[in-house]
PDB file of all heavy atoms in Angstrom:
ATOM      1  N   PRO A   1       6.354   8.097  12.065  1.00  0.00           N
ATOM      2  CA  PRO A   1       6.193   8.285  13.522  1.00  0.00           C
ATOM      3  C   PRO A   1       4.806   7.873  14.036  1.00  0.00           C
ATOM      4  O   PRO A   1       4.661   7.506  15.195  1.00  0.00           O
ATOM      5  CB  PRO A   1       6.404   9.787  13.725  1.00  0.00           C
ATOM      6  CG  PRO A   1       7.187  10.231  12.540  1.00  0.00           C
ATOM      7  CD  PRO A   1       6.744   9.348  11.407  1.00  0.00           C
ATOM      8  N   GLY A   2       3.801   7.915  13.154  1.00  0.00           N
ATOM      9  CA  GLY A   2       2.446   7.624  13.602  1.00  0.00           C
ATOM     10  C   GLY A   2       1.859   6.311  13.136  1.00  0.00           C
ATOM     11  O   GLY A   2       0.909   5.802  13.731  1.00  0.00           O
ATOM     12  N   LYS A   3       2.404   5.742  12.055  1.00  0.00           N
ATOM     13  CA  LYS A   3       1.876   4.470  11.576  1.00  0.00           C
ATOM     14  C   LYS A   3       2.926   3.712  10.783  1.00  0.00           C
ATOM     15  O   LYS A   3       3.776   4.307  10.138  1.00  0.00           O
ATOM     16  CB  LYS A   3       0.588   4.641  10.767  1.00  0.00           C
ATOM     17  CG  LYS A   3       0.668   5.484   9.523  1.00  0.00           C
ATOM     18  CD  LYS A   3      -0.619   5.426   8.697  1.00  0.00           C
ATOM     19  CE  LYS A   3      -1.587   6.514   9.026  1.00  0.00           C
ATOM     20  NZ  LYS A   3      -2.688   6.619   8.066  1.00  0.00           N
ATOM     21  N   THR A   4       2.808   2.406  10.849  1.00  0.00           N
ATOM     22  CA  THR A   4       3.764   1.545  10.159  1.00  0.00           C
ATOM     23  C   THR A   4       3.327   1.313   8.713  1.00  0.00           C
ATOM     24  O   THR A   4       2.176   1.583   8.347  1.00  0.00           O
ATOM     25  CB  THR A   4       3.865   0.169  10.846  1.00  0.00           C
ATOM     26  OG1 THR A   4       2.602  -0.498  10.699  1.00  0.00           O
ATOM     27  CG2 THR A   4       4.227   0.304  12.318  1.00  0.00           C
ATOM     28  N   GLN A   5       4.238   0.775   7.943  1.00  0.00           N
ATOM     29  CA  GLN A   5       3.917   0.431   6.556  1.00  0.00           C
ATOM     30  C   GLN A   5       2.812  -0.618   6.524  1.00  0.00           C
ATOM     31  O   GLN A   5       1.930  -0.575   5.673  1.00  0.00           O
ATOM     32  CB  GLN A   5       5.182  -0.082   5.862  1.00  0.00           C
ATOM     33  CG  GLN A   5       5.013  -0.306   4.382  1.00  0.00           C
ATOM     34  CD  GLN A   5       6.346  -0.497   3.687  1.00  0.00           C
ATOM     35  OE1 GLN A   5       7.167   0.395   3.669  1.00  0.00           O
ATOM     36  NE2 GLN A   5       6.543  -1.663   3.114  1.00  0.00           N
ATOM     37  N   ALA A   6       2.831  -1.539   7.477  1.00  0.00           N
ATOM     38  CA  ALA A   6       1.783  -2.560   7.560  1.00  0.00           C
ATOM     39  C   ALA A   6       0.420  -1.925   7.840  1.00  0.00           C
ATOM     40  O   ALA A   6      -0.593  -2.332   7.265  1.00  0.00           O
ATOM     41  CB  ALA A   6       2.129  -3.589   8.630  1.00  0.00           C
ATOM     42  N   GLN A   7       0.403  -0.913   8.700  1.00  0.00           N
ATOM     43  CA  GLN A   7      -0.860  -0.214   8.991  1.00  0.00           C
ATOM     44  C   GLN A   7      -1.354   0.533   7.757  1.00  0.00           C
ATOM     45  O   GLN A   7      -2.556   0.548   7.479  1.00  0.00           O
ATOM     46  CB  GLN A   7      -0.674   0.759  10.159  1.00  0.00           C
ATOM     47  CG  GLN A   7      -0.504   0.083  11.498  1.00  0.00           C
ATOM     48  CD  GLN A   7      -0.090   1.053  12.583  1.00  0.00           C
ATOM     49  OE1 GLN A   7       0.783   1.898  12.387  1.00  0.00           O
ATOM     50  NE2 GLN A   7      -0.724   0.933  13.749  1.00  0.00           N
ATOM     51  N   ILE A   8      -0.441   1.155   7.026  1.00  0.00           N
ATOM     52  CA  ILE A   8      -0.811   1.852   5.800  1.00  0.00           C
ATOM     53  C   ILE A   8      -1.425   0.866   4.811  1.00  0.00           C
ATOM     54  O   ILE A   8      -2.473   1.126   4.220  1.00  0.00           O
ATOM     55  CB  ILE A   8       0.411   2.572   5.182  1.00  0.00           C
ATOM     56  CG1 ILE A   8       0.837   3.738   6.082  1.00  0.00           C
ATOM     57  CG2 ILE A   8       0.108   3.060   3.759  1.00  0.00           C
ATOM     58  CD1 ILE A   8       2.175   4.353   5.723  1.00  0.00           C
ATOM     59  N   ALA A   9      -0.782  -0.277   4.646  1.00  0.00           N
ATOM     60  CA  ALA A   9      -1.285  -1.304   3.729  1.00  0.00           C
ATOM     61  C   ALA A   9      -2.674  -1.769   4.146  1.00  0.00           C
ATOM     62  O   ALA A   9      -3.571  -1.915   3.303  1.00  0.00           O
ATOM     63  CB  ALA A   9      -0.316  -2.477   3.668  1.00  0.00           C
ATOM     64  N   GLN A  10      -2.852  -1.997   5.432  1.00  0.00           N
ATOM     65  CA  GLN A  10      -4.151  -2.449   5.933  1.00  0.00           C
ATOM     66  C   GLN A  10      -5.223  -1.391   5.697  1.00  0.00           C
ATOM     67  O   GLN A  10      -6.314  -1.696   5.222  1.00  0.00           O
ATOM     68  CB  GLN A  10      -4.055  -2.786   7.419  1.00  0.00           C
ATOM     69  CG  GLN A  10      -5.346  -3.331   7.990  1.00  0.00           C
ATOM     70  CD  GLN A  10      -5.222  -3.656   9.470  1.00  0.00           C
ATOM     71  OE1 GLN A  10      -4.326  -3.155  10.160  1.00  0.00           O
ATOM     72  NE2 GLN A  10      -6.117  -4.477   9.961  1.00  0.00           N
ATOM     73  N   GLU A  11      -4.915  -0.130   6.013  1.00  0.00           N
ATOM     74  CA  GLU A  11      -5.870   0.967   5.799  1.00  0.00           C
ATOM     75  C   GLU A  11      -6.213   1.112   4.321  1.00  0.00           C
ATOM     76  O   GLU A  11      -7.329   1.488   3.978  1.00  0.00           O
ATOM     77  CB  GLU A  11      -5.293   2.279   6.321  1.00  0.00           C
ATOM     78  CG  GLU A  11      -5.255   2.396   7.820  1.00  0.00           C
ATOM     79  CD  GLU A  11      -4.640   3.715   8.266  1.00  0.00           C
ATOM     80  OE1 GLU A  11      -4.758   4.723   7.536  1.00  0.00           O
ATOM     81  OE2 GLU A  11      -4.033   3.739   9.353  1.00  0.00           O
ATOM     82  N   ALA A  12      -5.246   0.831   3.460  1.00  0.00           N
ATOM     83  CA  ALA A  12      -5.462   0.961   2.022  1.00  0.00           C
ATOM     84  C   ALA A  12      -6.257  -0.208   1.453  1.00  0.00           C
ATOM     85  O   ALA A  12      -6.721  -0.147   0.316  1.00  0.00           O
ATOM     86  CB  ALA A  12      -4.114   1.068   1.302  1.00  0.00           C
ATOM     87  N   GLY A  13      -6.398  -1.278   2.235  1.00  0.00           N
ATOM     88  CA  GLY A  13      -7.148  -2.439   1.775  1.00  0.00           C
ATOM     89  C   GLY A  13      -6.294  -3.497   1.096  1.00  0.00           C
ATOM     90  O   GLY A  13      -6.820  -4.419   0.467  1.00  0.00           O
ATOM     91  N   PHE A  14      -4.980  -3.398   1.234  1.00  0.00           N
ATOM     92  CA  PHE A  14      -4.093  -4.414   0.678  1.00  0.00           C
ATOM     93  C   PHE A  14      -4.006  -5.577   1.656  1.00  0.00           C
ATOM     94  O   PHE A  14      -4.070  -5.387   2.869  1.00  0.00           O
ATOM     95  CB  PHE A  14      -2.692  -3.848   0.421  1.00  0.00           C
ATOM     96  CG  PHE A  14      -2.653  -2.754  -0.608  1.00  0.00           C
ATOM     97  CD1 PHE A  14      -2.078  -1.529  -0.315  1.00  0.00           C
ATOM     98  CD2 PHE A  14      -3.193  -2.937  -1.877  1.00  0.00           C
ATOM     99  CE1 PHE A  14      -2.030  -0.513  -1.256  1.00  0.00           C
ATOM    100  CE2 PHE A  14      -3.153  -1.923  -2.828  1.00  0.00           C
ATOM    101  CZ  PHE A  14      -2.574  -0.711  -2.517  1.00  0.00           C
ATOM    102  N   LEU A  15      -3.827  -6.773   1.130  1.00  0.00           N
ATOM    103  CA  LEU A  15      -3.756  -7.953   1.983  1.00  0.00           C
ATOM    104  C   LEU A  15      -2.453  -8.031   2.773  1.00  0.00           C
ATOM    105  O   LEU A  15      -2.432  -8.558   3.879  1.00  0.00           O
ATOM    106  CB  LEU A  15      -3.937  -9.225   1.141  1.00  0.00           C
ATOM    107  CG  LEU A  15      -5.288  -9.354   0.440  1.00  0.00           C
ATOM    108  CD1 LEU A  15      -5.328 -10.600  -0.437  1.00  0.00           C
ATOM    109  CD2 LEU A  15      -6.424  -9.370   1.450  1.00  0.00           C
ATOM    110  N   THR A  16      -1.380  -7.515   2.187  1.00  0.00           N
ATOM    111  CA  THR A  16      -0.088  -7.543   2.876  1.00  0.00           C
ATOM    112  C   THR A  16       0.620  -6.204   2.733  1.00  0.00           C
ATOM    113  O   THR A  16       0.346  -5.440   1.804  1.00  0.00           O
ATOM    114  CB  THR A  16       0.848  -8.625   2.292  1.00  0.00           C
ATOM    115  OG1 THR A  16       1.201  -8.260   0.960  1.00  0.00           O
ATOM    116  CG2 THR A  16       0.201  -9.999   2.295  1.00  0.00           C
ATOM    117  N   ALA A  17       1.552  -5.941   3.637  1.00  0.00           N
ATOM    118  CA  ALA A  17       2.365  -4.722   3.562  1.00  0.00           C
ATOM    119  C   ALA A  17       3.281  -4.769   2.355  1.00  0.00           C
ATOM    120  O   ALA A  17       3.796  -3.730   1.928  1.00  0.00           O
ATOM    121  CB  ALA A  17       3.178  -4.550   4.841  1.00  0.00           C
ATOM    122  N   ASN A  18       3.484  -5.950   1.805  1.00  0.00           N
ATOM    123  CA  ASN A  18       4.367  -6.112   0.660  1.00  0.00           C
ATOM    124  C   ASN A  18       3.921  -5.251  -0.523  1.00  0.00           C
ATOM    125  O   ASN A  18       4.751  -4.765  -1.283  1.00  0.00           O
ATOM    126  CB  ASN A  18       4.432  -7.593   0.259  1.00  0.00           C
ATOM    127  CG  ASN A  18       5.492  -7.852  -0.778  1.00  0.00           C
ATOM    128  OD1 ASN A  18       6.600  -7.358  -0.671  1.00  0.00           O
ATOM    129  ND2 ASN A  18       5.134  -8.613  -1.784  1.00  0.00           N
ATOM    130  N   MET A  19       2.628  -5.033  -0.673  1.00  0.00           N
ATOM    131  CA  MET A  19       2.151  -4.223  -1.802  1.00  0.00           C
ATOM    132  C   MET A  19       2.636  -2.791  -1.679  1.00  0.00           C
ATOM    133  O   MET A  19       3.036  -2.172  -2.669  1.00  0.00           O
ATOM    134  CB  MET A  19       0.623  -4.270  -1.894  1.00  0.00           C
ATOM    135  CG  MET A  19       0.080  -3.573  -3.114  1.00  0.00           C
ATOM    136  SD  MET A  19       0.703  -4.321  -4.643  1.00  0.00           S
ATOM    137  CE  MET A  19       0.063  -3.195  -5.835  1.00  0.00           C
ATOM    138  N   VAL A  20       2.640  -2.237  -0.490  1.00  0.00           N
ATOM    139  CA  VAL A  20       3.149  -0.881  -0.287  1.00  0.00           C
ATOM    140  C   VAL A  20       4.642  -0.850  -0.604  1.00  0.00           C
ATOM    141  O   VAL A  20       5.131   0.072  -1.255  1.00  0.00           O
ATOM    142  CB  VAL A  20       2.863  -0.367   1.143  1.00  0.00           C
ATOM    143  CG1 VAL A  20       3.520   0.985   1.381  1.00  0.00           C
ATOM    144  CG2 VAL A  20       1.357  -0.265   1.375  1.00  0.00           C
ATOM    145  N   ALA A  21       5.359  -1.878  -0.177  1.00  0.00           N
ATOM    146  CA  ALA A  21       6.792  -1.968  -0.472  1.00  0.00           C
ATOM    147  C   ALA A  21       7.025  -2.030  -1.980  1.00  0.00           C
ATOM    148  O   ALA A  21       7.939  -1.388  -2.512  1.00  0.00           O
ATOM    149  CB  ALA A  21       7.409  -3.182   0.212  1.00  0.00           C
ATOM    150  N   MET A  22       6.196  -2.784  -2.689  1.00  0.00           N
ATOM    151  CA  MET A  22       6.327  -2.895  -4.150  1.00  0.00           C
ATOM    152  C   MET A  22       6.041  -1.559  -4.832  1.00  0.00           C
ATOM    153  O   MET A  22       6.707  -1.200  -5.807  1.00  0.00           O
ATOM    154  CB  MET A  22       5.405  -3.997  -4.677  1.00  0.00           C
ATOM    155  CG  MET A  22       5.858  -5.388  -4.274  1.00  0.00           C
ATOM    156  SD  MET A  22       4.661  -6.679  -4.689  1.00  0.00           S
ATOM    157  CE  MET A  22       4.600  -6.551  -6.461  1.00  0.00           C
ATOM    158  N   LEU A  23       5.066  -0.814  -4.319  1.00  0.00           N
ATOM    159  CA  LEU A  23       4.769   0.506  -4.876  1.00  0.00           C
ATOM    160  C   LEU A  23       5.926   1.459  -4.627  1.00  0.00           C
ATOM    161  O   LEU A  23       6.310   2.230  -5.506  1.00  0.00           O
ATOM    162  CB  LEU A  23       3.480   1.072  -4.264  1.00  0.00           C
ATOM    163  CG  LEU A  23       2.185   0.366  -4.659  1.00  0.00           C
ATOM    164  CD1 LEU A  23       1.029   0.854  -3.798  1.00  0.00           C
ATOM    165  CD2 LEU A  23       1.884   0.559  -6.133  1.00  0.00           C
ATOM    166  N   LYS A  24       6.500   1.410  -3.425  1.00  0.00           N
ATOM    167  CA  LYS A  24       7.635   2.271  -3.088  1.00  0.00           C
ATOM    168  C   LYS A  24       8.843   1.995  -3.981  1.00  0.00           C
ATOM    169  O   LYS A  24       9.530   2.919  -4.393  1.00  0.00           O
ATOM    170  CB  LYS A  24       8.059   2.048  -1.626  1.00  0.00           C
ATOM    171  CG  LYS A  24       7.183   2.696  -0.613  1.00  0.00           C
ATOM    172  CD  LYS A  24       7.541   2.384   0.824  1.00  0.00           C
ATOM    173  CE  LYS A  24       8.964   2.031   1.101  1.00  0.00           C
ATOM    174  NZ  LYS A  24       9.225   1.710   2.512  1.00  0.00           N
ATOM    175  N   ARG A  25       9.102   0.733  -4.249  1.00  0.00           N
ATOM    176  CA  ARG A  25      10.253   0.353  -5.080  1.00  0.00           C
ATOM    177  C   ARG A  25       9.982   0.541  -6.567  1.00  0.00           C
ATOM    178  O   ARG A  25      10.903   0.509  -7.368  1.00  0.00           O
ATOM    179  CB  ARG A  25      10.629  -1.105  -4.835  1.00  0.00           C
ATOM    180  CG  ARG A  25      11.282  -1.382  -3.521  1.00  0.00           C
ATOM    181  CD  ARG A  25      11.882  -2.786  -3.460  1.00  0.00           C
ATOM    182  NE  ARG A  25      11.082  -3.820  -4.083  1.00  0.00           N
ATOM    183  CZ  ARG A  25      10.163  -4.567  -3.461  1.00  0.00           C
ATOM    184  NH1 ARG A  25       9.935  -4.383  -2.189  1.00  0.00           N
ATOM    185  NH2 ARG A  25       9.486  -5.478  -4.118  1.00  0.00           N
ATOM    186  N   GLY A  26       8.716   0.688  -6.933  1.00  0.00           N
ATOM    187  CA  GLY A  26       8.377   0.799  -8.349  1.00  0.00           C
ATOM    188  C   GLY A  26       8.271  -0.544  -9.030  1.00  0.00           C
ATOM    189  O   GLY A  26       8.326  -0.645 -10.256  1.00  0.00           O
ATOM    190  N   ALA A  27       8.102  -1.603  -8.247  1.00  0.00           N
ATOM    191  CA  ALA A  27       7.976  -2.940  -8.809  1.00  0.00           C
ATOM    192  C   ALA A  27       6.549  -3.209  -9.290  1.00  0.00           C
ATOM    193  O   ALA A  27       6.312  -4.142 -10.049  1.00  0.00           O
ATOM    194  CB  ALA A  27       8.384  -3.991  -7.776  1.00  0.00           C
ATOM    195  N   SER A  28       5.608  -2.389  -8.835  1.00  0.00           N
ATOM    196  CA  SER A  28       4.212  -2.571  -9.207  1.00  0.00           C
ATOM    197  C   SER A  28       3.562  -1.214  -9.421  1.00  0.00           C
ATOM    198  O   SER A  28       3.936  -0.226  -8.781  1.00  0.00           O
ATOM    199  CB  SER A  28       3.469  -3.327  -8.105  1.00  0.00           C
ATOM    200  OG  SER A  28       2.121  -3.546  -8.461  1.00  0.00           O
ATOM    201  N   LYS A  29       2.587  -1.197 -10.313  1.00  0.00           N
ATOM    202  CA  LYS A  29       1.821   0.041 -10.483  1.00  0.00           C
ATOM    203  C   LYS A  29       0.607  -0.022  -9.568  1.00  0.00           C
ATOM    204  O   LYS A  29       0.188  -1.091  -9.134  1.00  0.00           O
ATOM    205  CB  LYS A  29       1.415   0.249 -11.935  1.00  0.00           C
ATOM    206  CG  LYS A  29       0.430  -0.753 -12.486  1.00  0.00           C
ATOM    207  CD  LYS A  29       0.140  -0.470 -13.943  1.00  0.00           C
ATOM    208  CE  LYS A  29      -0.725  -1.571 -14.522  1.00  0.00           C
ATOM    209  NZ  LYS A  29      -0.955  -1.373 -15.939  1.00  0.00           N
ATOM    210  N   LEU A  30       0.063   1.132  -9.279  1.00  0.00           N
ATOM    211  CA  LEU A  30      -1.102   1.218  -8.409  1.00  0.00           C
ATOM    212  C   LEU A  30      -2.367   1.049  -9.247  1.00  0.00           C
ATOM    213  O   LEU A  30      -2.637   1.862 -10.134  1.00  0.00           O
ATOM    214  CB  LEU A  30      -1.131   2.576  -7.695  1.00  0.00           C
ATOM    215  CG  LEU A  30      -2.336   2.857  -6.806  1.00  0.00           C
ATOM    216  CD1 LEU A  30      -2.418   1.847  -5.656  1.00  0.00           C
ATOM    217  CD2 LEU A  30      -2.278   4.276  -6.267  1.00  0.00           C
ATOM    218  N   PRO A  31      -3.165  -0.003  -8.969  1.00  0.00           N
ATOM    219  CA  PRO A  31      -4.433  -0.147  -9.686  1.00  0.00           C
ATOM    220  C   PRO A  31      -5.341   1.045  -9.376  1.00  0.00           C
ATOM    221  O   PRO A  31      -5.398   1.507  -8.232  1.00  0.00           O
ATOM    222  CB  PRO A  31      -5.030  -1.444  -9.124  1.00  0.00           C
ATOM    223  CG  PRO A  31      -3.863  -2.177  -8.525  1.00  0.00           C
ATOM    224  CD  PRO A  31      -2.920  -1.100  -8.042  1.00  0.00           C
ATOM    225  N   LEU A  32      -6.015   1.561 -10.383  1.00  0.00           N
ATOM    226  CA  LEU A  32      -6.846   2.752 -10.200  1.00  0.00           C
ATOM    227  C   LEU A  32      -7.931   2.564  -9.148  1.00  0.00           C
ATOM    228  O   LEU A  32      -8.279   3.511  -8.444  1.00  0.00           O
ATOM    229  CB  LEU A  32      -7.460   3.183 -11.535  1.00  0.00           C
ATOM    230  CG  LEU A  32      -6.472   3.618 -12.616  1.00  0.00           C
ATOM    231  CD1 LEU A  32      -7.215   3.996 -13.888  1.00  0.00           C
ATOM    232  CD2 LEU A  32      -5.592   4.758 -12.139  1.00  0.00           C
ATOM    233  N   ASP A  33      -8.447   1.333  -9.011  1.00  0.00           N
ATOM    234  CA  ASP A  33      -9.495   1.107  -8.020  1.00  0.00           C
ATOM    235  C   ASP A  33      -8.958   1.147  -6.586  1.00  0.00           C
ATOM    236  O   ASP A  33      -9.727   1.224  -5.632  1.00  0.00           O
ATOM    237  CB  ASP A  33     -10.224  -0.207  -8.281  1.00  0.00           C
ATOM    238  CG  ASP A  33      -9.348  -1.439  -8.135  1.00  0.00           C
ATOM    239  OD1 ASP A  33      -8.118  -1.348  -8.362  1.00  0.00           O
ATOM    240  OD2 ASP A  33      -9.895  -2.507  -7.797  1.00  0.00           O
ATOM    241  N   ARG A  34      -7.643   1.148  -6.418  1.00  0.00           N
ATOM    242  CA  ARG A  34      -7.035   1.209  -5.088  1.00  0.00           C
ATOM    243  C   ARG A  34      -6.619   2.627  -4.690  1.00  0.00           C
ATOM    244  O   ARG A  34      -6.154   2.855  -3.576  1.00  0.00           O
ATOM    245  CB  ARG A  34      -5.797   0.303  -5.029  1.00  0.00           C
ATOM    246  CG  ARG A  34      -6.103  -1.166  -5.199  1.00  0.00           C
ATOM    247  CD  ARG A  34      -7.034  -1.614  -4.100  1.00  0.00           C
ATOM    248  NE  ARG A  34      -7.218  -3.044  -4.158  1.00  0.00           N
ATOM    249  CZ  ARG A  34      -7.432  -3.795  -3.124  1.00  0.00           C
ATOM    250  NH1 ARG A  34      -7.499  -3.243  -1.922  1.00  0.00           N
ATOM    251  NH2 ARG A  34      -7.592  -5.077  -3.248  1.00  0.00           N
ATOM    252  N   VAL A  35      -6.792   3.574  -5.588  1.00  0.00           N
ATOM    253  CA  VAL A  35      -6.383   4.954  -5.314  1.00  0.00           C
ATOM    254  C   VAL A  35      -7.092   5.532  -4.087  1.00  0.00           C
ATOM    255  O   VAL A  35      -6.426   6.080  -3.198  1.00  0.00           O
ATOM    256  CB  VAL A  35      -6.572   5.855  -6.561  1.00  0.00           C
ATOM    257  CG1 VAL A  35      -6.423   7.326  -6.197  1.00  0.00           C
ATOM    258  CG2 VAL A  35      -5.584   5.465  -7.648  1.00  0.00           C
ATOM    259  N   PRO A  36      -8.426   5.444  -3.982  1.00  0.00           N
ATOM    260  CA  PRO A  36      -9.077   6.068  -2.820  1.00  0.00           C
ATOM    261  C   PRO A  36      -8.583   5.511  -1.480  1.00  0.00           C
ATOM    262  O   PRO A  36      -8.316   6.273  -0.546  1.00  0.00           O
ATOM    263  CB  PRO A  36     -10.565   5.771  -3.023  1.00  0.00           C
ATOM    264  CG  PRO A  36     -10.706   5.570  -4.498  1.00  0.00           C
ATOM    265  CD  PRO A  36      -9.417   4.908  -4.928  1.00  0.00           C
ATOM    266  N   GLY A  37      -8.444   4.202  -1.388  1.00  0.00           N
ATOM    267  CA  GLY A  37      -7.988   3.591  -0.143  1.00  0.00           C
ATOM    268  C   GLY A  37      -6.566   3.987   0.216  1.00  0.00           C
ATOM    269  O   GLY A  37      -6.275   4.304   1.374  1.00  0.00           O
ATOM    270  N   LEU A  38      -5.676   3.969  -0.777  1.00  0.00           N
ATOM    271  CA  LEU A  38      -4.290   4.333  -0.501  1.00  0.00           C
ATOM    272  C   LEU A  38      -4.182   5.819  -0.169  1.00  0.00           C
ATOM    273  O   LEU A  38      -3.420   6.202   0.718  1.00  0.00           O
ATOM    274  CB  LEU A  38      -3.376   3.964  -1.673  1.00  0.00           C
ATOM    275  CG  LEU A  38      -1.884   4.213  -1.423  1.00  0.00           C
ATOM    276  CD1 LEU A  38      -1.381   3.429  -0.206  1.00  0.00           C
ATOM    277  CD2 LEU A  38      -1.076   3.872  -2.660  1.00  0.00           C
TER     278      LEU A  38
END
């Protein structure tokens, strides 16, 4: 209701919203250096 997946990806420092989608589907693991941003 307050933010899109693209906004979440941008706030997390990912180049595209696709990375959030990959994390949601389990297609990719979360790099430890990206934990604080996400």
